[in-house]
Amino acid sequence: MEIYCKIGTYQDKKKEIPMEVSLHDGSYTNNIDVVLDYWKNSFSNLYNARDFVSSPNVNQHVEGSDLIFNTSITIVDVKKAVDKAKVGKAIGVDNVYAKILKNDAAVLFLHSLFNICFDNGIVPSIWNKCIINPIPKSSCSGPRDHMSYRGISLAFSVYKIYCSIFPANI
């Protein structure tokens, strides 16, 4: 997944998140390229960690579950997913608000797009990109320490709708 660091872009965020980081040797730097690269690498390492605890239900077969995944996506599925999409949320790399997709023309387009993705088993590679917005964990943490922030991922609106169509518990 490709990550864009977008820190300090809003006036109120500039007060909370300093554009400098503490390096491994204890020194500080405010070189913008080093700061953004440091944040990018830190959040990439967290995302790409392979220390997942394996669940005992991972390989368990649910009777009839293969029927769900062998049928095409219906326009009703897309309409339900679009209607459930939350409006007023932060936008991702695509700069598309979910509210814009809540019309019949967009639903028809998304239906066609989603079926192409589903039938071919691929999604556009651009959907792998997101903006990671750092949010301070607490006010007592060191503001220059990258681990004192949570990374909130802002993904493509269309991709979030696509993912919401599939059942999460199967």
N, C-alpha and C. Protein backbone atom coordinates (compact mmCIF):
# COMPACT_ATOMS: atom_id res chain seq x y z
N MET A 1 0.84 -1.17 0.00
CA MET A 1 0.00 0.00 0.00
C MET A 1 0.89 1.23 0.00
N GLU A 2 0.59 2.17 -0.84
CA GLU A 2 1.36 3.40 -0.90
C GLU A 2 0.75 4.40 0.06
N ILE A 3 1.58 5.11 0.79
CA ILE A 3 1.11 6.01 1.82
C ILE A 3 1.55 7.43 1.51
N TYR A 4 0.60 8.35 1.63
CA TYR A 4 0.91 9.76 1.53
C TYR A 4 0.85 10.35 2.92
N CYS A 5 1.90 11.02 3.37
CA CYS A 5 1.85 11.69 4.65
C CYS A 5 1.29 13.08 4.43
N LYS A 6 0.27 13.38 5.15
CA LYS A 6 -0.37 14.68 5.03
C LYS A 6 -0.50 15.22 6.44
N ILE A 7 0.58 15.79 6.96
CA ILE A 7 0.54 16.32 8.31
C ILE A 7 0.76 17.82 8.26
N GLY A 8 0.17 18.49 9.21
CA GLY A 8 0.36 19.93 9.31
C GLY A 8 -0.30 20.72 8.21
N THR A 9 -1.33 20.19 7.57
CA THR A 9 -1.95 20.90 6.46
C THR A 9 -3.00 21.90 6.91
N TYR A 10 -3.58 21.69 8.07
CA TYR A 10 -4.59 22.61 8.57
C TYR A 10 -3.97 23.46 9.68
N GLN A 11 -4.46 24.67 9.86
CA GLN A 11 -3.88 25.57 10.84
C GLN A 11 -3.92 24.98 12.25
N ASP A 12 -5.02 24.35 12.64
CA ASP A 12 -5.10 23.78 13.98
C ASP A 12 -4.19 22.57 14.14
N LYS A 13 -3.96 21.83 13.07
CA LYS A 13 -3.07 20.69 13.14
C LYS A 13 -1.61 21.14 13.29
N LYS A 14 -1.27 22.29 12.73
CA LYS A 14 0.11 22.77 12.81
C LYS A 14 0.51 23.01 14.26
N LYS A 15 -0.46 23.39 15.10
CA LYS A 15 -0.16 23.63 16.51
C LYS A 15 0.05 22.31 17.25
N GLU A 16 -0.65 21.26 16.85
CA GLU A 16 -0.57 19.98 17.54
C GLU A 16 0.60 19.12 17.06
N ILE A 17 0.87 19.11 15.77
CA ILE A 17 1.87 18.21 15.20
C ILE A 17 3.05 19.04 14.70
N PRO A 18 4.17 19.02 15.41
CA PRO A 18 5.33 19.78 14.94
C PRO A 18 5.94 19.14 13.71
N MET A 19 6.44 19.94 12.81
CA MET A 19 7.08 19.43 11.61
C MET A 19 8.55 19.13 11.88
N GLU A 20 8.79 18.36 12.94
CA GLU A 20 10.12 17.86 13.23
C GLU A 20 9.96 16.54 13.98
N VAL A 21 10.98 15.70 13.86
CA VAL A 21 10.95 14.39 14.51
C VAL A 21 12.26 14.17 15.26
N SER A 22 12.17 13.29 16.26
CA SER A 22 13.39 12.90 16.95
C SER A 22 13.95 11.67 16.24
N LEU A 23 15.21 11.74 15.91
CA LEU A 23 15.88 10.65 15.19
C LEU A 23 16.37 9.60 16.18
N HIS A 24 16.87 8.50 15.66
CA HIS A 24 17.31 7.38 16.49
C HIS A 24 18.45 7.78 17.43
N ASP A 25 19.26 8.75 17.03
CA ASP A 25 20.39 9.16 17.87
C ASP A 25 20.00 10.19 18.92
N GLY A 26 18.71 10.56 18.99
CA GLY A 26 18.24 11.52 20.00
C GLY A 26 18.20 12.95 19.51
N SER A 27 18.75 13.21 18.32
CA SER A 27 18.71 14.57 17.79
C SER A 27 17.37 14.82 17.09
N TYR A 28 17.10 16.09 16.80
CA TYR A 28 15.87 16.48 16.13
C TYR A 28 16.20 17.05 14.75
N THR A 29 15.27 16.86 13.83
CA THR A 29 15.42 17.47 12.51
C THR A 29 14.08 18.04 12.08
N ASN A 30 14.13 19.15 11.33
CA ASN A 30 12.92 19.75 10.78
C ASN A 30 13.00 19.82 9.25
N ASN A 31 13.91 19.04 8.67
CA ASN A 31 13.99 18.92 7.21
C ASN A 31 12.72 18.22 6.74
N ILE A 32 11.93 18.91 5.93
CA ILE A 32 10.60 18.41 5.54
C ILE A 32 10.66 17.04 4.88
N ASP A 33 11.66 16.82 4.02
CA ASP A 33 11.78 15.53 3.35
C ASP A 33 12.09 14.41 4.35
N VAL A 34 12.97 14.68 5.29
CA VAL A 34 13.32 13.68 6.30
C VAL A 34 12.13 13.41 7.21
N VAL A 35 11.41 14.47 7.60
CA VAL A 35 10.25 14.31 8.48
C VAL A 35 9.17 13.46 7.81
N LEU A 36 8.80 13.80 6.58
CA LEU A 36 7.76 13.06 5.89
C LEU A 36 8.18 11.62 5.61
N ASP A 37 9.45 11.42 5.26
CA ASP A 37 9.95 10.07 5.02
C ASP A 37 9.94 9.25 6.30
N TYR A 38 10.29 9.88 7.41
CA TYR A 38 10.31 9.21 8.71
C TYR A 38 8.90 8.76 9.09
N TRP A 39 7.93 9.65 8.93
CA TRP A 39 6.54 9.31 9.23
C TRP A 39 6.05 8.21 8.29
N LYS A 40 6.35 8.33 7.02
CA LYS A 40 5.91 7.33 6.04
C LYS A 40 6.46 5.95 6.39
N ASN A 41 7.74 5.88 6.69
CA ASN A 41 8.36 4.60 7.02
C ASN A 41 7.79 4.02 8.31
N SER A 42 7.54 4.88 9.29
CA SER A 42 7.01 4.41 10.57
C SER A 42 5.64 3.80 10.41
N PHE A 43 4.75 4.48 9.69
CA PHE A 43 3.40 3.96 9.51
C PHE A 43 3.39 2.79 8.54
N SER A 44 4.28 2.78 7.55
CA SER A 44 4.37 1.63 6.64
C SER A 44 4.80 0.39 7.40
N ASN A 45 5.76 0.54 8.31
CA ASN A 45 6.23 -0.60 9.10
C ASN A 45 5.12 -1.14 9.99
N LEU A 46 4.31 -0.25 10.55
CA LEU A 46 3.18 -0.70 11.37
C LEU A 46 2.17 -1.45 10.52
N TYR A 47 1.88 -0.92 9.35
CA TYR A 47 0.89 -1.54 8.47
C TYR A 47 1.36 -2.88 7.94
N ASN A 48 2.62 -2.97 7.59
CA ASN A 48 3.14 -4.18 6.96
C ASN A 48 3.66 -5.21 7.94
N ALA A 49 3.45 -5.01 9.24
CA ALA A 49 3.89 -5.98 10.24
C ALA A 49 3.18 -7.31 10.01
N ARG A 50 3.90 -8.40 10.10
CA ARG A 50 3.34 -9.72 9.85
C ARG A 50 3.10 -10.49 11.15
N ASP A 51 2.90 -9.80 12.24
CA ASP A 51 2.71 -10.45 13.53
C ASP A 51 1.23 -10.66 13.85
N PHE A 52 0.44 -11.02 12.85
CA PHE A 52 -0.97 -11.23 13.07
C PHE A 52 -1.19 -12.53 13.83
N VAL A 53 -2.10 -12.51 14.76
CA VAL A 53 -2.46 -13.72 15.48
C VAL A 53 -3.41 -14.51 14.61
N SER A 54 -3.09 -15.76 14.35
CA SER A 54 -3.95 -16.55 13.48
C SER A 54 -5.19 -16.98 14.25
N SER A 55 -6.32 -16.83 13.61
CA SER A 55 -7.59 -17.19 14.20
C SER A 55 -7.89 -18.66 13.89
N PRO A 56 -8.48 -19.39 14.82
CA PRO A 56 -8.77 -20.80 14.54
C PRO A 56 -9.87 -20.96 13.49
N ASN A 57 -10.61 -19.91 13.17
CA ASN A 57 -11.71 -20.00 12.21
C ASN A 57 -11.31 -19.58 10.80
N VAL A 58 -10.03 -19.32 10.57
CA VAL A 58 -9.61 -18.80 9.26
C VAL A 58 -9.92 -19.76 8.13
N ASN A 59 -9.64 -21.02 8.30
CA ASN A 59 -9.85 -21.99 7.23
C ASN A 59 -11.16 -22.76 7.36
N GLN A 60 -12.00 -22.35 8.26
CA GLN A 60 -13.26 -23.05 8.47
C GLN A 60 -14.22 -22.74 7.33
N HIS A 61 -14.82 -23.77 6.77
CA HIS A 61 -15.76 -23.61 5.66
C HIS A 61 -17.16 -23.43 6.22
N VAL A 62 -17.84 -22.40 5.76
CA VAL A 62 -19.22 -22.17 6.16
C VAL A 62 -20.11 -22.73 5.07
N GLU A 63 -21.03 -23.59 5.44
CA GLU A 63 -21.92 -24.23 4.47
C GLU A 63 -22.71 -23.19 3.70
N GLY A 64 -22.63 -23.24 2.38
CA GLY A 64 -23.37 -22.31 1.52
C GLY A 64 -22.66 -20.99 1.28
N SER A 65 -21.51 -20.76 1.93
CA SER A 65 -20.83 -19.48 1.77
C SER A 65 -20.29 -19.28 0.36
N ASP A 66 -19.93 -20.38 -0.34
CA ASP A 66 -19.40 -20.23 -1.68
C ASP A 66 -20.46 -19.72 -2.65
N LEU A 67 -21.73 -19.92 -2.33
CA LEU A 67 -22.80 -19.40 -3.19
C LEU A 67 -22.82 -17.87 -3.20
N ILE A 68 -22.50 -17.28 -2.05
CA ILE A 68 -22.50 -15.81 -1.94
C ILE A 68 -21.44 -15.21 -2.85
N PHE A 69 -20.30 -15.85 -2.95
CA PHE A 69 -19.19 -15.28 -3.70
C PHE A 69 -19.16 -15.70 -5.16
N ASN A 70 -20.10 -16.50 -5.60
CA ASN A 70 -20.14 -16.93 -6.99
C ASN A 70 -21.19 -16.19 -7.81
N THR A 71 -21.89 -15.27 -7.23
CA THR A 71 -22.90 -14.52 -7.96
C THR A 71 -22.40 -13.10 -8.21
N SER A 72 -22.88 -12.50 -9.28
CA SER A 72 -22.48 -11.13 -9.59
C SER A 72 -23.09 -10.16 -8.59
N ILE A 73 -22.50 -8.99 -8.54
CA ILE A 73 -23.00 -7.93 -7.67
C ILE A 73 -24.23 -7.33 -8.33
N THR A 74 -25.31 -7.24 -7.59
CA THR A 74 -26.55 -6.69 -8.15
C THR A 74 -26.59 -5.18 -7.95
N ILE A 75 -27.44 -4.55 -8.71
CA ILE A 75 -27.61 -3.10 -8.57
C ILE A 75 -28.21 -2.76 -7.21
N VAL A 76 -29.00 -3.68 -6.67
CA VAL A 76 -29.57 -3.47 -5.33
C VAL A 76 -28.46 -3.47 -4.28
N ASP A 77 -27.48 -4.37 -4.44
CA ASP A 77 -26.34 -4.40 -3.52
C ASP A 77 -25.59 -3.08 -3.55
N VAL A 78 -25.35 -2.56 -4.74
CA VAL A 78 -24.63 -1.30 -4.89
C VAL A 78 -25.44 -0.15 -4.29
N LYS A 79 -26.73 -0.12 -4.57
CA LYS A 79 -27.60 0.94 -4.05
C LYS A 79 -27.61 0.93 -2.53
N LYS A 80 -27.70 -0.26 -1.91
CA LYS A 80 -27.67 -0.36 -0.45
C LYS A 80 -26.34 0.14 0.11
N ALA A 81 -25.24 -0.25 -0.53
CA ALA A 81 -23.91 0.16 -0.06
C ALA A 81 -23.73 1.67 -0.19
N VAL A 82 -24.21 2.24 -1.28
CA VAL A 82 -24.10 3.70 -1.47
C VAL A 82 -24.96 4.42 -0.44
N ASP A 83 -26.15 3.91 -0.19
CA ASP A 83 -27.04 4.54 0.79
C ASP A 83 -26.46 4.48 2.21
N LYS A 84 -25.72 3.39 2.51
CA LYS A 84 -25.11 3.24 3.84
C LYS A 84 -23.84 4.07 4.01
N ALA A 85 -23.26 4.54 2.91
CA ALA A 85 -22.00 5.30 2.99
C ALA A 85 -22.20 6.55 3.83
N LYS A 86 -21.27 6.79 4.71
CA LYS A 86 -21.37 7.92 5.62
C LYS A 86 -20.99 9.21 4.91
N VAL A 87 -21.83 10.22 5.07
CA VAL A 87 -21.54 11.52 4.48
C VAL A 87 -20.89 12.41 5.54
N GLY A 88 -20.17 13.41 5.10
CA GLY A 88 -19.53 14.33 6.01
C GLY A 88 -18.23 13.81 6.59
N LYS A 89 -17.71 12.72 6.07
CA LYS A 89 -16.44 12.17 6.54
C LYS A 89 -15.30 12.72 5.70
N ALA A 90 -14.09 12.60 6.23
CA ALA A 90 -12.91 13.06 5.51
C ALA A 90 -12.74 12.27 4.22
N ILE A 91 -12.20 12.92 3.20
CA ILE A 91 -12.03 12.29 1.90
C ILE A 91 -10.60 11.78 1.75
N GLY A 92 -10.43 10.83 0.85
CA GLY A 92 -9.12 10.23 0.62
C GLY A 92 -8.41 10.89 -0.55
N VAL A 93 -7.54 10.13 -1.19
CA VAL A 93 -6.73 10.62 -2.31
C VAL A 93 -7.61 11.05 -3.48
N ASP A 94 -8.76 10.39 -3.64
CA ASP A 94 -9.63 10.68 -4.78
C ASP A 94 -10.37 12.00 -4.67
N ASN A 95 -10.42 12.60 -3.48
CA ASN A 95 -11.14 13.87 -3.25
C ASN A 95 -12.61 13.77 -3.62
N VAL A 96 -13.21 12.60 -3.44
CA VAL A 96 -14.63 12.38 -3.76
C VAL A 96 -15.38 12.15 -2.45
N TYR A 97 -16.38 12.97 -2.21
CA TYR A 97 -17.24 12.79 -1.05
C TYR A 97 -18.27 11.71 -1.35
N ALA A 98 -18.65 10.94 -0.34
CA ALA A 98 -19.64 9.88 -0.52
C ALA A 98 -20.98 10.45 -0.98
N LYS A 99 -21.27 11.67 -0.59
CA LYS A 99 -22.55 12.30 -0.96
C LYS A 99 -22.68 12.45 -2.48
N ILE A 100 -21.55 12.65 -3.15
CA ILE A 100 -21.57 12.81 -4.61
C ILE A 100 -22.02 11.52 -5.30
N LEU A 101 -21.76 10.38 -4.70
CA LEU A 101 -22.07 9.09 -5.31
C LEU A 101 -23.51 8.64 -5.06
N LYS A 102 -24.28 9.44 -4.34
CA LYS A 102 -25.65 9.06 -3.99
C LYS A 102 -26.65 9.56 -5.02
N ASN A 103 -26.46 9.12 -6.27
CA ASN A 103 -27.43 9.42 -7.33
C ASN A 103 -27.47 8.23 -8.27
N ASP A 104 -28.53 8.17 -9.09
CA ASP A 104 -28.75 6.99 -9.93
C ASP A 104 -27.66 6.78 -10.97
N ALA A 105 -27.15 7.86 -11.56
CA ALA A 105 -26.10 7.72 -12.58
C ALA A 105 -24.83 7.13 -11.96
N ALA A 106 -24.48 7.60 -10.78
CA ALA A 106 -23.29 7.07 -10.11
C ALA A 106 -23.48 5.61 -9.71
N VAL A 107 -24.68 5.26 -9.26
CA VAL A 107 -24.96 3.87 -8.88
C VAL A 107 -24.83 2.95 -10.09
N LEU A 108 -25.34 3.36 -11.25
CA LEU A 108 -25.20 2.55 -12.46
C LEU A 108 -23.74 2.37 -12.85
N PHE A 109 -22.97 3.45 -12.78
CA PHE A 109 -21.55 3.37 -13.10
C PHE A 109 -20.83 2.45 -12.12
N LEU A 110 -21.10 2.63 -10.81
CA LEU A 110 -20.44 1.81 -9.80
C LEU A 110 -20.81 0.34 -9.95
N HIS A 111 -22.05 0.07 -10.33
CA HIS A 111 -22.49 -1.31 -10.56
C HIS A 111 -21.65 -1.96 -11.66
N SER A 112 -21.45 -1.25 -12.76
CA SER A 112 -20.63 -1.78 -13.85
C SER A 112 -19.18 -1.96 -13.42
N LEU A 113 -18.64 -0.95 -12.77
CA LEU A 113 -17.25 -1.00 -12.31
C LEU A 113 -17.03 -2.14 -11.32
N PHE A 114 -17.91 -2.27 -10.36
CA PHE A 114 -17.75 -3.30 -9.33
C PHE A 114 -17.85 -4.71 -9.93
N ASN A 115 -18.71 -4.90 -10.89
CA ASN A 115 -18.81 -6.22 -11.52
C ASN A 115 -17.58 -6.55 -12.35
N ILE A 116 -17.01 -5.56 -13.00
CA ILE A 116 -15.75 -5.78 -13.73
C ILE A 116 -14.66 -6.19 -12.75
N CYS A 117 -14.56 -5.47 -11.63
CA CYS A 117 -13.56 -5.80 -10.62
C CYS A 117 -13.80 -7.20 -10.05
N PHE A 118 -15.04 -7.49 -9.73
CA PHE A 118 -15.39 -8.78 -9.11
C PHE A 118 -15.17 -9.93 -10.08
N ASP A 119 -15.62 -9.79 -11.32
CA ASP A 119 -15.50 -10.86 -12.31
C ASP A 119 -14.05 -11.17 -12.66
N ASN A 120 -13.20 -10.15 -12.67
CA ASN A 120 -11.79 -10.34 -13.02
C ASN A 120 -10.90 -10.59 -11.81
N GLY A 121 -11.44 -10.38 -10.63
CA GLY A 121 -10.67 -10.63 -9.41
C GLY A 121 -9.59 -9.60 -9.15
N ILE A 122 -9.74 -8.41 -9.70
CA ILE A 122 -8.75 -7.36 -9.48
C ILE A 122 -9.45 -6.04 -9.19
N VAL A 123 -8.74 -5.15 -8.56
CA VAL A 123 -9.23 -3.79 -8.35
C VAL A 123 -8.17 -2.84 -8.90
N PRO A 124 -8.55 -1.63 -9.25
CA PRO A 124 -7.55 -0.67 -9.75
C PRO A 124 -6.43 -0.47 -8.72
N SER A 125 -5.21 -0.43 -9.19
CA SER A 125 -4.06 -0.29 -8.28
C SER A 125 -4.09 1.04 -7.53
N ILE A 126 -4.75 2.03 -8.08
CA ILE A 126 -4.84 3.33 -7.42
C ILE A 126 -5.60 3.21 -6.10
N TRP A 127 -6.48 2.20 -5.97
CA TRP A 127 -7.23 2.00 -4.74
C TRP A 127 -6.34 1.56 -3.58
N ASN A 128 -5.09 1.19 -3.86
CA ASN A 128 -4.14 0.81 -2.80
C ASN A 128 -3.52 2.01 -2.12
N LYS A 129 -3.84 3.19 -2.57
CA LYS A 129 -3.26 4.39 -1.99
C LYS A 129 -4.23 4.98 -0.96
N CYS A 130 -3.67 5.54 0.08
CA CYS A 130 -4.49 6.22 1.07
C CYS A 130 -3.67 7.33 1.71
N ILE A 131 -4.37 8.21 2.37
CA ILE A 131 -3.73 9.28 3.13
C ILE A 131 -3.76 8.84 4.59
N ILE A 132 -2.62 8.91 5.26
CA ILE A 132 -2.59 8.60 6.68
C ILE A 132 -2.50 9.91 7.44
N ASN A 133 -3.52 10.17 8.22
CA ASN A 133 -3.59 11.40 9.00
C ASN A 133 -3.24 11.06 10.45
N PRO A 134 -2.13 11.59 10.97
CA PRO A 134 -1.74 11.27 12.35
C PRO A 134 -2.61 12.04 13.36
N ILE A 135 -3.11 11.32 14.35
CA ILE A 135 -3.91 11.90 15.41
C ILE A 135 -3.18 11.63 16.73
N PRO A 136 -2.94 12.66 17.55
CA PRO A 136 -2.23 12.43 18.82
C PRO A 136 -2.99 11.45 19.72
N LYS A 137 -2.25 10.51 20.33
CA LYS A 137 -2.87 9.54 21.23
C LYS A 137 -3.29 10.20 22.54
N SER A 138 -2.44 11.06 23.08
CA SER A 138 -2.77 11.79 24.30
C SER A 138 -1.94 13.06 24.35
N SER A 139 -2.36 13.97 25.18
CA SER A 139 -1.66 15.26 25.26
C SER A 139 -0.34 15.16 26.02
N CYS A 140 -0.13 14.10 26.80
CA CYS A 140 1.10 13.99 27.57
C CYS A 140 2.24 13.32 26.80
N SER A 141 1.96 12.77 25.64
CA SER A 141 3.00 12.12 24.85
C SER A 141 3.91 13.16 24.20
N GLY A 142 5.10 12.71 23.84
CA GLY A 142 6.04 13.61 23.18
C GLY A 142 5.58 13.94 21.77
N PRO A 143 5.39 15.20 21.44
CA PRO A 143 4.86 15.56 20.13
C PRO A 143 5.79 15.23 18.97
N ARG A 144 7.07 15.03 19.25
CA ARG A 144 8.02 14.71 18.17
C ARG A 144 8.19 13.21 17.98
N ASP A 145 7.57 12.42 18.84
CA ASP A 145 7.67 10.97 18.77
C ASP A 145 6.56 10.44 17.88
N HIS A 146 6.92 9.83 16.77
CA HIS A 146 5.93 9.34 15.81
C HIS A 146 5.04 8.25 16.39
N MET A 147 5.49 7.54 17.41
CA MET A 147 4.69 6.49 18.01
C MET A 147 3.65 7.01 18.99
N SER A 148 3.62 8.32 19.22
CA SER A 148 2.60 8.89 20.10
C SER A 148 1.39 9.38 19.28
N TYR A 149 1.30 8.90 18.05
CA TYR A 149 0.18 9.25 17.16
C TYR A 149 -0.47 7.98 16.62
N ARG A 150 -1.76 8.06 16.38
CA ARG A 150 -2.49 7.01 15.67
C ARG A 150 -2.59 7.43 14.22
N GLY A 151 -2.42 6.50 13.32
CA GLY A 151 -2.57 6.81 11.91
C GLY A 151 -3.98 6.46 11.45
N ILE A 152 -4.73 7.43 11.03
CA ILE A 152 -6.07 7.21 10.51
C ILE A 152 -5.97 7.20 8.99
N SER A 153 -6.35 6.09 8.36
CA SER A 153 -6.25 5.94 6.90
C SER A 153 -7.49 6.50 6.23
N LEU A 154 -7.26 7.35 5.25
CA LEU A 154 -8.35 7.90 4.44
C LEU A 154 -8.25 7.26 3.06
N ALA A 155 -9.16 6.33 2.80
CA ALA A 155 -9.13 5.56 1.56
C ALA A 155 -10.11 6.14 0.54
N PHE A 156 -10.04 5.61 -0.68
CA PHE A 156 -10.94 6.02 -1.75
C PHE A 156 -12.39 5.75 -1.35
N SER A 157 -13.27 6.69 -1.61
CA SER A 157 -14.70 6.52 -1.30
C SER A 157 -15.29 5.35 -2.07
N VAL A 158 -14.93 5.23 -3.34
CA VAL A 158 -15.45 4.15 -4.18
C VAL A 158 -14.98 2.79 -3.65
N TYR A 159 -13.75 2.71 -3.22
CA TYR A 159 -13.22 1.46 -2.68
C TYR A 159 -13.92 1.07 -1.38
N LYS A 160 -14.20 2.06 -0.52
CA LYS A 160 -14.91 1.77 0.72
C LYS A 160 -16.30 1.23 0.43
N ILE A 161 -16.96 1.77 -0.57
CA ILE A 161 -18.29 1.28 -0.95
C ILE A 161 -18.18 -0.13 -1.51
N TYR A 162 -17.18 -0.37 -2.35
CA TYR A 162 -16.95 -1.71 -2.92
C TYR A 162 -16.75 -2.74 -1.80
N CYS A 163 -15.93 -2.41 -0.83
CA CYS A 163 -15.65 -3.35 0.27
C CYS A 163 -16.87 -3.57 1.14
N SER A 164 -17.73 -2.58 1.27
CA SER A 164 -18.90 -2.73 2.14
C SER A 164 -19.96 -3.68 1.56
N ILE A 165 -19.83 -4.00 0.29
CA ILE A 165 -20.80 -4.90 -0.34
C ILE A 165 -20.62 -6.33 0.15
N PHE A 166 -19.41 -6.72 0.42
CA PHE A 166 -19.12 -8.10 0.81
C PHE A 166 -19.32 -8.30 2.29
N PRO A 167 -19.91 -9.45 2.66
CA PRO A 167 -20.13 -9.71 4.11
C PRO A 167 -18.81 -9.84 4.83
N ALA A 168 -18.72 -9.22 5.99
CA ALA A 168 -17.46 -9.21 6.74
C ALA A 168 -17.27 -10.46 7.58
N ASN A 169 -18.32 -11.17 7.91
CA ASN A 169 -18.19 -12.29 8.84
C ASN A 169 -18.17 -13.65 8.18
N ILE A 170 -17.94 -13.71 6.89
CA ILE A 170 -17.89 -15.01 6.21
C ILE A 170 -16.47 -15.30 5.79
